Protein backbone atom coordinates (compact mmCIF):
# COMPACT_ATOMS: atom_id res chain seq x y z
CA UNK A 1 0.00 0.00 0.00
CA UNK A 2 2.78 2.43 0.88
CA UNK A 3 4.52 1.65 -2.42
CA UNK A 4 1.48 2.78 -4.45
CA UNK A 5 1.32 6.08 -2.55
CA UNK A 6 5.04 6.61 -3.11
CA UNK A 7 4.75 5.97 -6.85
CA UNK A 8 1.73 8.27 -7.09
CA UNK A 9 3.55 10.95 -5.12
CA UNK A 10 6.62 10.74 -7.37
CA UNK A 11 4.41 10.91 -10.46
CA UNK A 12 2.58 13.98 -9.17
CA UNK A 13 5.87 15.66 -8.27
CA UNK A 14 7.24 15.07 -11.78
CA UNK A 15 4.06 16.49 -13.32
CA UNK A 16 4.31 19.56 -11.09
CA UNK A 17 7.96 20.12 -12.04
CA UNK A 18 7.17 19.75 -15.74
CA UNK A 19 4.47 22.39 -15.37
CA UNK A 20 6.93 24.86 -13.79
CA UNK A 21 9.30 24.92 -16.72
CA UNK A 22 8.96 27.81 -19.12
CA UNK A 23 8.62 26.57 -22.68
CA UNK A 24 11.34 27.85 -25.00
CA UNK A 25 8.72 29.73 -26.97
CA UNK A 26 5.38 31.00 -25.76
CA UNK A 27 3.11 33.97 -26.38
CA UNK A 28 4.92 35.98 -23.70
CA UNK A 29 8.43 34.72 -24.52
CA UNK A 30 8.97 34.25 -28.27
CA UNK A 31 12.15 32.75 -29.64
CA UNK A 32 14.77 35.45 -29.65
CA UNK A 33 16.25 37.13 -32.70
CA UNK A 34 19.70 38.65 -32.75
CA UNK A 35 19.65 42.35 -31.90
CA UNK A 36 22.82 42.88 -33.94
CA UNK A 37 22.87 42.53 -37.70
CA UNK A 38 24.81 39.60 -39.19
CA UNK A 39 27.86 41.69 -40.18
CA UNK A 40 28.21 43.28 -36.73
CA UNK A 41 27.77 39.90 -35.06
CA UNK A 42 30.51 38.31 -37.25
CA UNK A 43 32.82 41.21 -36.41
CA UNK A 44 32.24 40.71 -32.67
CA UNK A 45 32.85 36.96 -32.92
CA UNK A 46 36.26 37.38 -34.53
CA UNK A 47 37.64 40.60 -33.04
CA UNK A 48 37.50 42.74 -29.96
CA UNK A 49 34.04 42.89 -28.40
CA UNK A 50 33.08 46.54 -27.98
CA UNK A 51 30.59 47.42 -25.25
CA UNK A 52 28.91 50.32 -27.08
CA UNK A 53 28.64 48.56 -30.45
CA UNK A 54 28.04 44.94 -29.42
CA UNK A 55 26.95 44.55 -25.79
CA UNK A 56 24.94 47.68 -24.98
CA UNK A 57 22.32 47.09 -27.73
CA UNK A 58 21.67 43.54 -26.47
CA UNK A 59 21.43 44.55 -22.81
CA UNK A 60 19.17 47.51 -23.62
CA UNK A 61 16.86 45.43 -25.82
CA UNK A 62 16.58 42.36 -23.63
CA UNK A 63 17.72 43.07 -20.05
CA UNK A 64 17.78 46.69 -18.90
CA UNK A 65 14.01 47.26 -18.73
CA UNK A 66 13.84 45.01 -15.66
CA UNK A 67 17.44 44.92 -14.42
CA UNK A 68 17.79 48.44 -13.06
CA UNK A 69 17.43 49.94 -9.58
CA UNK A 70 14.12 51.66 -10.35
CA UNK A 71 12.40 48.46 -11.50
CA UNK A 72 14.04 46.06 -9.02
CA UNK A 73 15.61 47.96 -6.10
CA UNK A 74 18.46 46.00 -4.52
CA UNK A 75 18.44 43.34 -7.24
CA UNK A 76 20.68 42.77 -10.26
CA UNK A 77 21.05 46.06 -12.11
CA UNK A 78 22.72 46.49 -15.47
CA UNK A 79 21.98 50.20 -15.84
CA UNK A 80 25.64 51.18 -15.39
CA UNK A 81 29.08 49.67 -14.93
CA UNK A 82 29.07 50.66 -11.26
CA UNK A 83 25.81 48.81 -10.57
CA UNK A 84 26.75 45.73 -12.61
CA UNK A 85 30.11 45.35 -10.84
CA UNK A 86 29.18 46.46 -7.34
CA UNK A 87 30.43 44.35 -4.50
CA UNK A 88 29.12 43.55 -1.08
CA UNK A 89 26.31 41.25 -0.07
CA UNK A 90 25.10 40.94 -3.65
CA UNK A 91 28.64 40.82 -5.16
CA UNK A 92 29.30 41.84 -8.72
CA UNK A 93 27.08 40.46 -11.46
CA UNK A 94 29.88 40.79 -14.00
CA UNK A 95 33.36 39.69 -12.95
CA UNK A 96 35.81 40.87 -15.64
CA UNK A 97 37.89 38.05 -17.10
CA UNK A 98 35.84 35.38 -15.31
CA UNK A 99 32.68 34.51 -17.28
CA UNK A 100 32.12 31.26 -15.34
CA UNK A 101 32.17 33.19 -12.05
CA UNK A 102 29.91 35.98 -13.32
CA UNK A 103 26.34 35.59 -12.02
CA UNK A 104 25.01 37.34 -15.13
CA UNK A 105 26.31 34.60 -17.40
CA UNK A 106 25.39 31.76 -15.04
CA UNK A 107 21.79 33.02 -14.98
CA UNK A 108 21.71 32.92 -18.76
CA UNK A 109 23.27 29.46 -19.13
CA UNK A 110 22.49 27.32 -16.08
CA UNK A 111 19.82 24.65 -15.88
CA UNK A 112 18.14 26.75 -13.19
CA UNK A 113 17.87 29.62 -15.67
CA UNK A 114 15.84 27.33 -17.92
CA UNK A 115 13.19 27.03 -15.21
CA UNK A 116 13.14 30.78 -14.62
CA UNK A 117 14.31 31.79 -18.06
CA UNK A 118 15.44 35.37 -18.61
CA UNK A 119 13.77 37.40 -19.76
CA UNK A 120 10.48 35.93 -18.49
CA UNK A 121 8.57 38.13 -20.95
CA UNK A 122 9.83 39.28 -24.33
CA UNK A 123 12.36 37.78 -26.70
CA UNK A 124 14.96 35.50 -25.17
CA UNK A 125 18.65 36.03 -25.74
CA UNK A 126 19.96 33.99 -28.65
CA UNK A 127 22.87 31.56 -28.38
CA UNK A 128 24.95 34.09 -30.34
CA UNK A 129 24.12 36.87 -27.86
CA UNK A 130 24.96 34.71 -24.84
CA UNK A 131 28.25 33.66 -26.50
CA UNK A 132 29.00 37.32 -27.23
CA UNK A 133 28.43 38.32 -23.59
CA UNK A 134 30.68 35.45 -22.47
CA UNK A 135 33.41 36.55 -24.89
CA UNK A 136 33.12 40.16 -23.71
CA UNK A 137 33.46 39.12 -20.05
CA UNK A 138 36.46 36.90 -20.98
CA UNK A 139 38.09 39.94 -22.61
CA UNK A 140 37.81 41.85 -19.32
CA UNK A 141 34.32 43.30 -19.82
CA UNK A 142 35.51 46.79 -20.80
CA UNK A 143 32.68 49.22 -20.08
CA UNK A 144 33.04 52.94 -20.79
CA UNK A 145 32.30 55.64 -18.22
CA UNK A 146 29.73 58.35 -18.75
CA UNK A 147 26.73 58.33 -21.08
CA UNK A 148 28.27 55.75 -23.45
CA UNK A 149 28.28 53.26 -20.57
CA UNK A 150 24.78 53.96 -19.26
CA UNK A 151 21.94 51.79 -20.49
CA UNK A 152 18.54 53.20 -21.26
CA UNK A 153 15.77 51.46 -19.40
CA UNK A 154 12.12 51.67 -20.35
CA UNK A 155 11.67 53.99 -17.35
CA UNK A 156 14.46 56.34 -18.42
CA UNK A 157 13.23 56.35 -22.03
CA UNK A 158 9.76 57.44 -20.87
CA UNK A 159 11.30 60.20 -18.76
CA UNK A 160 13.19 61.73 -21.73
């Protein structure tokens, strides 16, 4: 008798876990398209990854609307270099030269990220975009100061 309850319990648990996973494509999360055009993407894959040309457009299009201090106070913010690399209890989200240690990249590539896929709404990052972010972090994640290094969020765009 106990065996049947155990088997039923395991079956129900597996069904519940399957229901928690976000499908790769849904009405709220369509399959992503590359933000960069093919020529720019090829250039970034073979040469130096430039924040302003290659990384900023991806982060602005697919990450910055939610990952800023106005939208999610105290959570991962990509609005500026200072916020993305801050240290302390939350540690830096981008660790230059260490993509495997950078929480930003691990959230995009880990199995756990597949359950709570980022972004939860809107186009997902493509494999090319994730590889580009990894390459940029490996190259030291150079991020300019001033306006060139500040990402526009949906909130800051509305305020303009």
